[in-house]
Amino acid sequence: MRDVSPEDITRNPDAFAERIVLDSGEQFLFRPLKEEDSAILGTYFLSLSGNTRKMFGPHPFTREQAQILCEQIDYAKVIRLIATNERDQIVAYFILRLKLNEDDENRYRSRGILSDLDSTCSIAPSIADHHQNRGLGTVLMGRALALGWRLGQTQAILQGGVRADNARGLHFYPKCGFREVGSFCTTADSFDMVLDLAEASVIQESREFLVGVLESDAQ
């Protein structure tokens, strides 16, 4: 399926913002990262615990990195998504990469696992420590993957894999439908996982979640 292009997001990123309401009543806005978000992104990075930082591999969590990311936004290659609360504080940050990085691509090509690397995206999520294990991550994962599906991606992998000592991740990703396809070791023992987006229940569940939110808004 492809009914959205990166150019659509570039023209109007606000059109891709979605309101999320948890059973607890907490409300969040899930939207593409924009150039003016560097300050709140840097604050989010510095708020994370050492363990959460350790489990996230794509880049450092620093104010300097936040500024670089916001200055170099290119939705045609990488769509960075943030969830903000009612005080406009970031509580989650996702990377949806439409072109695999070199390390990931080489690993998967050597295994011959994926049928079409050109329509394979990678994803890397992070959730604020005080919002972990509360259902937010699953909903956001579904919405991020649904965007990948709308952009014409058919499969998703975990960017940089998941560390073998990441117990929370090893529970979370299979719950979202990812399956393990191999192991490797760079700085730590890790597993590669892949998800067929056409059959991803986490996407359907997040759609049903949002339908419920929209229906409640209409009442």
Protein backbone atom coordinates (compact mmCIF):
# COMPACT_ATOMS: atom_id res chain seq x y z
CA MET A 1 0.00 0.00 0.00
CA ARG A 2 1.23 3.48 -0.79
CA ASP A 3 -1.05 6.46 -0.37
CA VAL A 4 1.51 8.84 1.15
CA SER A 5 4.92 10.06 0.00
CA PRO A 6 7.78 11.65 1.95
CA GLU A 7 7.08 14.80 -0.05
CA ASP A 8 3.60 14.93 1.49
CA ILE A 9 5.15 14.93 4.95
CA THR A 10 7.69 17.59 3.94
CA ARG A 11 4.94 19.86 2.63
CA ASN A 12 2.79 19.55 5.75
CA PRO A 13 4.18 17.53 8.66
CA ASP A 14 1.35 18.70 10.92
CA ALA A 15 -1.11 16.77 8.75
CA PHE A 16 0.47 13.57 10.06
CA ALA A 17 -0.01 14.35 13.75
CA GLU A 18 -2.27 11.96 15.63
CA ARG A 19 -3.84 12.31 19.05
CA ILE A 20 -3.39 9.36 21.39
CA VAL A 21 -5.51 8.85 24.52
CA LEU A 22 -4.65 6.01 26.90
CA ASP A 23 -7.16 4.20 29.11
CA SER A 24 -5.74 6.26 31.99
CA GLY A 25 -7.04 9.41 30.27
CA GLU A 26 -3.54 10.67 29.46
CA GLN A 27 -3.35 12.42 26.09
CA PHE A 28 -0.42 12.65 23.72
CA LEU A 29 0.29 14.05 20.26
CA PHE A 30 2.34 11.76 18.00
CA ARG A 31 3.87 13.69 15.13
CA PRO A 32 6.93 14.10 12.91
CA LEU A 33 9.91 15.87 14.45
CA LYS A 34 10.37 19.44 13.20
CA GLU A 35 13.28 21.86 13.11
CA GLU A 36 12.00 23.90 16.04
CA ASP A 37 11.90 20.85 18.35
CA SER A 38 15.62 20.77 19.21
CA ALA A 39 15.19 22.20 22.74
CA ILE A 40 12.47 19.80 23.86
CA LEU A 41 14.20 16.87 22.17
CA GLY A 42 17.43 17.66 24.00
CA THR A 43 15.54 17.84 27.30
CA TYR A 44 13.98 14.44 26.57
CA PHE A 45 17.35 12.88 25.75
CA LEU A 46 18.88 14.10 29.03
CA SER A 47 15.87 12.89 31.05
CA LEU A 48 16.41 9.23 30.16
CA SER A 49 17.99 6.80 32.60
CA GLY A 50 21.37 5.25 31.97
CA ASN A 51 19.78 1.88 31.25
CA THR A 52 17.36 3.30 28.65
CA ARG A 53 20.25 5.10 26.95
CA LYS A 54 22.29 1.91 26.97
CA MET A 55 19.60 -0.04 25.11
CA PHE A 56 19.29 2.56 22.31
CA GLY A 57 22.00 2.22 19.69
CA PRO A 58 21.42 4.57 16.72
CA HIS A 59 22.96 7.75 18.19
CA PRO A 60 23.91 9.48 21.47
CA PHE A 61 21.27 11.11 23.66
CA THR A 62 22.72 14.63 24.01
CA ARG A 63 21.52 18.20 23.43
CA GLU A 64 24.11 18.55 20.68
CA GLN A 65 22.76 15.48 18.91
CA ALA A 66 19.19 16.80 19.23
CA GLN A 67 20.21 20.03 17.54
CA ILE A 68 21.94 18.16 14.71
CA LEU A 69 18.91 15.92 14.14
CA CYS A 70 16.54 18.87 13.94
CA GLU A 71 18.83 20.79 11.59
CA GLN A 72 19.19 17.83 9.23
CA ILE A 73 15.57 16.70 8.85
CA ASP A 74 15.05 14.81 5.60
CA TYR A 75 11.76 12.92 5.57
CA ALA A 76 12.72 11.18 2.30
CA LYS A 77 15.33 9.16 4.20
CA VAL A 78 14.41 9.17 7.89
CA ILE A 79 11.18 10.13 9.62
CA ARG A 80 11.71 10.90 13.29
CA LEU A 81 8.52 10.87 15.33
CA ILE A 82 7.88 12.29 18.79
CA ALA A 83 5.03 11.94 21.27
CA THR A 84 4.38 15.00 23.42
CA ASN A 85 2.17 15.36 26.48
CA GLU A 86 -0.21 18.20 27.28
CA ARG A 87 2.73 20.30 28.56
CA ASP A 88 4.53 19.85 25.21
CA GLN A 89 7.16 17.61 26.81
CA ILE A 90 8.46 14.72 24.74
CA VAL A 91 7.71 11.30 26.24
CA ALA A 92 8.69 9.11 23.27
CA TYR A 93 10.99 9.30 20.26
CA PHE A 94 10.89 6.90 17.28
CA ILE A 95 13.14 6.61 14.24
CA LEU A 96 11.49 5.29 11.07
CA ARG A 97 14.25 4.85 8.50
CA LEU A 98 13.03 4.36 4.92
CA LYS A 99 16.46 3.29 3.69
CA LEU A 100 18.40 0.84 5.81
CA ASN A 101 21.74 1.94 7.18
CA GLU A 102 24.81 0.18 5.80
CA ASP A 103 25.37 -2.19 8.74
CA ASP A 104 21.76 -3.39 8.80
CA GLU A 105 21.61 -3.78 5.02
CA ASN A 106 24.85 -5.79 4.87
CA ARG A 107 23.72 -8.10 7.68
CA TYR A 108 20.37 -8.87 6.07
CA ARG A 109 21.81 -9.24 2.57
CA SER A 110 24.31 -11.80 3.86
CA ARG A 111 21.45 -13.84 5.32
CA GLY A 112 19.23 -13.57 2.24
CA ILE A 113 16.20 -13.26 4.50
CA LEU A 114 14.30 -10.27 3.17
CA SER A 115 12.58 -10.49 -0.20
CA ASP A 116 12.87 -6.77 -1.03
CA LEU A 117 15.29 -4.56 0.85
CA ASP A 118 14.12 -1.53 -1.15
CA SER A 119 10.72 -1.75 0.56
CA THR A 120 12.08 -2.58 4.00
CA CYS A 121 12.16 0.08 6.69
CA SER A 122 13.87 -0.01 10.06
CA ILE A 123 12.52 1.28 13.33
CA ALA A 124 14.11 2.29 16.63
CA PRO A 125 11.81 3.34 19.49
CA SER A 126 12.52 4.94 22.84
CA ILE A 127 10.03 5.70 25.62
CA ALA A 128 10.54 7.92 28.67
CA ASP A 129 11.25 5.78 31.72
CA HIS A 130 8.11 6.81 33.59
CA HIS A 131 5.93 5.86 30.60
CA GLN A 132 7.39 2.39 30.03
CA ASN A 133 5.16 -0.67 30.62
CA ARG A 134 2.00 1.44 30.42
CA GLY A 135 0.78 0.64 26.92
CA LEU A 136 2.01 3.80 25.21
CA GLY A 137 4.88 2.10 23.39
CA THR A 138 2.64 -0.51 21.78
CA VAL A 139 0.19 2.10 20.46
CA LEU A 140 2.98 4.31 19.12
CA MET A 141 4.76 1.37 17.52
CA GLY A 142 1.55 0.54 15.65
CA ARG A 143 1.15 4.12 14.43
CA ALA A 144 4.79 4.40 13.34
CA LEU A 145 4.62 1.12 11.44
CA ALA A 146 1.29 2.10 9.89
CA LEU A 147 2.99 5.21 8.51
CA GLY A 148 5.74 3.02 7.06
CA TRP A 149 3.09 0.84 5.43
CA ARG A 150 1.37 3.90 3.94
CA LEU A 151 4.75 4.98 2.55
CA GLY A 152 5.01 1.73 0.59
CA GLN A 153 7.14 -0.30 2.98
CA THR A 154 6.28 -4.00 3.22
CA GLN A 155 8.65 -5.17 5.96
CA ALA A 156 10.25 -3.66 9.04
CA ILE A 157 13.38 -4.58 10.95
CA LEU A 158 14.82 -3.27 14.20
CA GLN A 159 17.52 -0.71 13.53
CA GLY A 160 20.70 -2.16 15.00
CA GLY A 161 18.77 -5.17 16.31
CA VAL A 162 17.88 -5.66 19.97
CA ARG A 163 20.48 -6.38 22.62
CA ALA A 164 20.42 -9.82 24.23
CA ASP A 165 20.44 -8.19 27.68
CA ASN A 166 17.41 -6.01 26.86
CA ALA A 167 14.76 -8.10 28.63
CA ARG A 168 12.04 -5.51 28.10
CA GLY A 169 12.76 -5.29 24.36
CA LEU A 170 12.87 -9.07 23.96
CA HIS A 171 9.35 -9.18 25.38
CA PHE A 172 8.03 -6.07 23.62
CA TYR A 173 9.06 -6.71 20.02
CA PRO A 174 7.61 -10.24 19.65
CA LYS A 175 4.41 -8.91 21.25
CA CYS A 176 4.29 -6.43 18.36
CA GLY A 177 4.73 -9.28 15.86
CA PHE A 178 8.48 -9.20 15.22
CA ARG A 179 10.20 -12.57 14.81
CA GLU A 180 13.83 -13.36 15.45
CA VAL A 181 15.85 -14.16 12.33
CA GLY A 182 19.44 -14.28 13.57
CA SER A 183 22.03 -13.09 16.04
CA PHE A 184 25.18 -10.99 15.78
CA CYS A 185 27.67 -9.20 17.98
CA THR A 186 29.16 -5.74 17.63
CA THR A 187 29.49 -3.96 20.98
CA ALA A 188 27.05 -6.47 22.54
CA ASP A 189 25.30 -9.74 21.69
CA SER A 190 22.15 -8.83 19.76
CA PHE A 191 19.28 -10.31 17.77
CA ASP A 192 17.84 -9.28 14.43
CA MET A 193 14.03 -9.26 14.13
CA VAL A 194 11.70 -8.71 11.19
CA LEU A 195 8.00 -7.92 10.79
CA ASP A 196 5.73 -8.37 7.75
CA LEU A 197 3.73 -5.14 7.74
CA ALA A 198 0.86 -6.64 5.72
CA GLU A 199 0.18 -9.06 8.58
CA ALA A 200 1.15 -6.86 11.54
CA SER A 201 -1.53 -7.10 14.21
CA VAL A 202 -0.01 -4.15 16.06
CA ILE A 203 -0.98 -1.90 13.12
CA GLN A 204 -4.56 -3.15 13.11
CA GLU A 205 -4.83 -2.83 16.89
CA SER A 206 -3.60 0.76 16.77
CA ARG A 207 -6.14 1.53 14.02
CA GLU A 208 -8.94 0.13 16.18
CA PHE A 209 -7.61 2.17 19.11
CA LEU A 210 -7.76 5.39 17.09
CA VAL A 211 -11.21 4.58 15.74
CA GLY A 212 -12.38 4.36 19.34
CA VAL A 213 -10.79 7.73 20.12
CA LEU A 214 -12.44 9.37 17.10
CA GLU A 215 -15.83 7.90 17.97
CA SER A 216 -15.58 9.21 21.52
CA ASP A 217 -14.65 12.66 20.18
CA ALA A 218 -17.75 12.65 17.99
CA GLN A 219 -20.11 11.90 20.87
